[in-house]
Amino acid sequence: MEIAGSTCNSCKRPVTFAVDGKVCPNCRVVVHLGCEPEEVCGRCERPYEKCERPIPDPVRDALLPRALRMRSPGPTFVVLTTVVVAVLLIVSYYVIMDSI
């Protein structure tokens, strides 16, 4: 359930940010963290669910320097492959002609 934009069941004001509120998944009741200090819903006695900020991961969020980035094989691969195939064709042609 969406917490941000919902109306607090205690003070009847909107919950502006999701991290400022909590919701009962059973009753679908949204309250501000400050309005309801309890960890369980007063109606159904189930624990509230809170929206928590994700833990930052500096490794995942880091920018890699150009030297460490993977490069696509691109035109270099195509040129080298063409040269190798051409050399193999020429060698095999001379081997076949020499054996005749």
C-alpha atoms as a PDB file:
ATOM      1  CA  MET A   1       0.000   0.000   0.000  1.00  0.00           C
ATOM      2  CA  GLU A   2       1.184   3.519  -0.767  1.00  0.00           C
ATOM      3  CA  ILE A   3       2.171   5.406   2.380  1.00  0.00           C
ATOM      4  CA  ALA A   4       3.127   8.765   0.845  1.00  0.00           C
ATOM      5  CA  GLY A   5       0.060  10.843   0.050  1.00  0.00           C
ATOM      6  CA  SER A   6      -2.225   8.876   2.368  1.00  0.00           C
ATOM      7  CA  THR A   7      -4.003  10.502   5.298  1.00  0.00           C
ATOM      8  CA  CYS A   8      -2.781   9.747   8.807  1.00  0.00           C
ATOM      9  CA  ASN A   9      -5.449   7.907  10.771  1.00  0.00           C
ATOM     10  CA  SER A  10      -4.495   9.729  13.997  1.00  0.00           C
ATOM     11  CA  CYS A  11      -4.033  13.402  13.062  1.00  0.00           C
ATOM     12  CA  LYS A  12      -5.893  13.380   9.698  1.00  0.00           C
ATOM     13  CA  ARG A  13      -2.997  15.195   7.966  1.00  0.00           C
ATOM     14  CA  PRO A  14      -1.337  13.800   4.847  1.00  0.00           C
ATOM     15  CA  VAL A  15       1.788  11.698   5.141  1.00  0.00           C
ATOM     16  CA  THR A  16       4.128  13.589   2.821  1.00  0.00           C
ATOM     17  CA  PHE A  17       7.018  11.127   2.599  1.00  0.00           C
ATOM     18  CA  ALA A  18       6.803   7.346   2.863  1.00  0.00           C
ATOM     19  CA  VAL A  19       9.631   7.222   5.421  1.00  0.00           C
ATOM     20  CA  ASP A  20       7.573   9.468   7.735  1.00  0.00           C
ATOM     21  CA  GLY A  21       4.770   6.929   8.122  1.00  0.00           C
ATOM     22  CA  LYS A  22       3.889   3.292   8.597  1.00  0.00           C
ATOM     23  CA  VAL A  23       0.998   1.096   7.469  1.00  0.00           C
ATOM     24  CA  CYS A  24      -0.888  -1.876   8.826  1.00  0.00           C
ATOM     25  CA  PRO A  25      -0.989  -4.412   5.976  1.00  0.00           C
ATOM     26  CA  ASN A  26      -4.169  -5.992   7.365  1.00  0.00           C
ATOM     27  CA  CYS A  27      -6.308  -2.924   8.169  1.00  0.00           C
ATOM     28  CA  ARG A  28      -4.646  -0.685   5.549  1.00  0.00           C
ATOM     29  CA  VAL A  29      -4.354   2.054   8.185  1.00  0.00           C
ATOM     30  CA  VAL A  30      -1.618   4.647   7.626  1.00  0.00           C
ATOM     31  CA  VAL A  31      -0.190   6.707  10.509  1.00  0.00           C
ATOM     32  CA  HIS A  32       2.741   9.056  11.035  1.00  0.00           C
ATOM     33  CA  LEU A  33       5.656   7.589  12.978  1.00  0.00           C
ATOM     34  CA  GLY A  34       5.277  10.355  15.565  1.00  0.00           C
ATOM     35  CA  CYS A  35       1.491  10.006  15.909  1.00  0.00           C
ATOM     36  CA  GLU A  36       1.559   6.292  16.719  1.00  0.00           C
ATOM     37  CA  PRO A  37       4.597   5.221  18.765  1.00  0.00           C
ATOM     38  CA  GLU A  38       3.401   1.610  19.048  1.00  0.00           C
ATOM     39  CA  GLU A  39       4.909  -1.048  16.793  1.00  0.00           C
ATOM     40  CA  VAL A  40       1.610  -2.947  16.400  1.00  0.00           C
ATOM     41  CA  CYS A  41      -1.750  -1.857  15.034  1.00  0.00           C
ATOM     42  CA  GLY A  42      -4.331  -0.948  17.672  1.00  0.00           C
ATOM     43  CA  ARG A  43      -7.155  -2.567  15.675  1.00  0.00           C
ATOM     44  CA  CYS A  44      -5.784  -5.969  14.670  1.00  0.00           C
ATOM     45  CA  GLU A  45      -2.596  -6.247  16.779  1.00  0.00           C
ATOM     46  CA  ARG A  46      -0.432  -6.939  13.721  1.00  0.00           C
ATOM     47  CA  PRO A  47       2.943  -5.205  13.355  1.00  0.00           C
ATOM     48  CA  TYR A  48       3.114  -2.075  11.229  1.00  0.00           C
ATOM     49  CA  GLU A  49       5.200  -2.075   8.061  1.00  0.00           C
ATOM     50  CA  LYS A  50       7.604   0.813   7.595  1.00  0.00           C
ATOM     51  CA  CYS A  51       9.115   2.112   4.407  1.00  0.00           C
ATOM     52  CA  GLU A  52      12.851   2.081   4.974  1.00  0.00           C
ATOM     53  CA  ARG A  53      15.457   3.805   2.872  1.00  0.00           C
ATOM     54  CA  PRO A  54      17.693   1.413   0.955  1.00  0.00           C
ATOM     55  CA  ILE A  55      21.206   0.980   2.273  1.00  0.00           C
ATOM     56  CA  PRO A  56      23.633   2.765  -0.064  1.00  0.00           C
ATOM     57  CA  ASP A  57      26.101   0.506  -1.841  1.00  0.00           C
ATOM     58  CA  PRO A  58      29.181   2.541  -2.786  1.00  0.00           C
ATOM     59  CA  VAL A  59      30.572  -0.260  -4.947  1.00  0.00           C
ATOM     60  CA  ARG A  60      27.401  -0.550  -7.038  1.00  0.00           C
ATOM     61  CA  ASP A  61      26.993   3.211  -7.319  1.00  0.00           C
ATOM     62  CA  ALA A  62      30.635   3.975  -8.140  1.00  0.00           C
ATOM     63  CA  LEU A  63      31.663   5.125 -11.570  1.00  0.00           C
ATOM     64  CA  LEU A  64      34.365   3.031 -13.162  1.00  0.00           C
ATOM     65  CA  PRO A  65      37.331   4.799 -14.697  1.00  0.00           C
ATOM     66  CA  ARG A  66      37.634   4.459 -18.462  1.00  0.00           C
ATOM     67  CA  ALA A  67      40.599   2.080 -18.133  1.00  0.00           C
ATOM     68  CA  LEU A  68      38.519  -0.434 -16.147  1.00  0.00           C
ATOM     69  CA  ARG A  69      35.412  -0.359 -18.328  1.00  0.00           C
ATOM     70  CA  MET A  70      34.702  -3.280 -20.608  1.00  0.00           C
ATOM     71  CA  ARG A  71      35.258  -2.440 -24.221  1.00  0.00           C
ATOM     72  CA  SER A  72      33.287  -3.840 -27.109  1.00  0.00           C
ATOM     73  CA  PRO A  73      35.393  -5.750 -29.615  1.00  0.00           C
ATOM     74  CA  GLY A  74      34.036  -3.518 -32.375  1.00  0.00           C
ATOM     75  CA  PRO A  75      35.998  -2.926 -35.584  1.00  0.00           C
ATOM     76  CA  THR A  76      39.290  -4.340 -34.268  1.00  0.00           C
ATOM     77  CA  PHE A  77      37.747  -7.796 -33.898  1.00  0.00           C
ATOM     78  CA  VAL A  78      36.226  -7.668 -37.380  1.00  0.00           C
ATOM     79  CA  VAL A  79      39.510  -6.618 -39.028  1.00  0.00           C
ATOM     80  CA  LEU A  80      41.574  -9.256 -37.207  1.00  0.00           C
ATOM     81  CA  THR A  81      39.061 -11.978 -38.022  1.00  0.00           C
ATOM     82  CA  THR A  82      39.066 -10.993 -41.697  1.00  0.00           C
ATOM     83  CA  VAL A  83      42.883 -11.037 -41.852  1.00  0.00           C
ATOM     84  CA  VAL A  84      43.088 -14.456 -40.162  1.00  0.00           C
ATOM     85  CA  VAL A  85      40.464 -15.940 -42.512  1.00  0.00           C
ATOM     86  CA  ALA A  86      42.238 -14.472 -45.564  1.00  0.00           C
ATOM     87  CA  VAL A  87      45.605 -15.889 -44.464  1.00  0.00           C
ATOM     88  CA  LEU A  88      44.047 -19.307 -43.863  1.00  0.00           C
ATOM     89  CA  LEU A  89      42.433 -19.257 -47.318  1.00  0.00           C
ATOM     90  CA  ILE A  90      45.706 -18.285 -49.018  1.00  0.00           C
ATOM     91  CA  VAL A  91      47.700 -20.947 -47.146  1.00  0.00           C
ATOM     92  CA  SER A  92      45.138 -23.637 -47.880  1.00  0.00           C
ATOM     93  CA  TYR A  93      45.087 -22.609 -51.586  1.00  0.00           C
ATOM     94  CA  TYR A  94      48.874 -22.992 -51.861  1.00  0.00           C
ATOM     95  CA  VAL A  95      48.800 -26.304 -49.974  1.00  0.00           C
ATOM     96  CA  ILE A  96      46.151 -27.650 -52.365  1.00  0.00           C
ATOM     97  CA  MET A  97      47.993 -26.332 -55.477  1.00  0.00           C
ATOM     98  CA  ASP A  98      51.304 -27.774 -54.270  1.00  0.00           C
ATOM     99  CA  SER A  99      49.809 -31.206 -53.762  1.00  0.00           C
ATOM    100  CA  ILE A 100      48.425 -31.357 -57.336  1.00  0.00           C
END
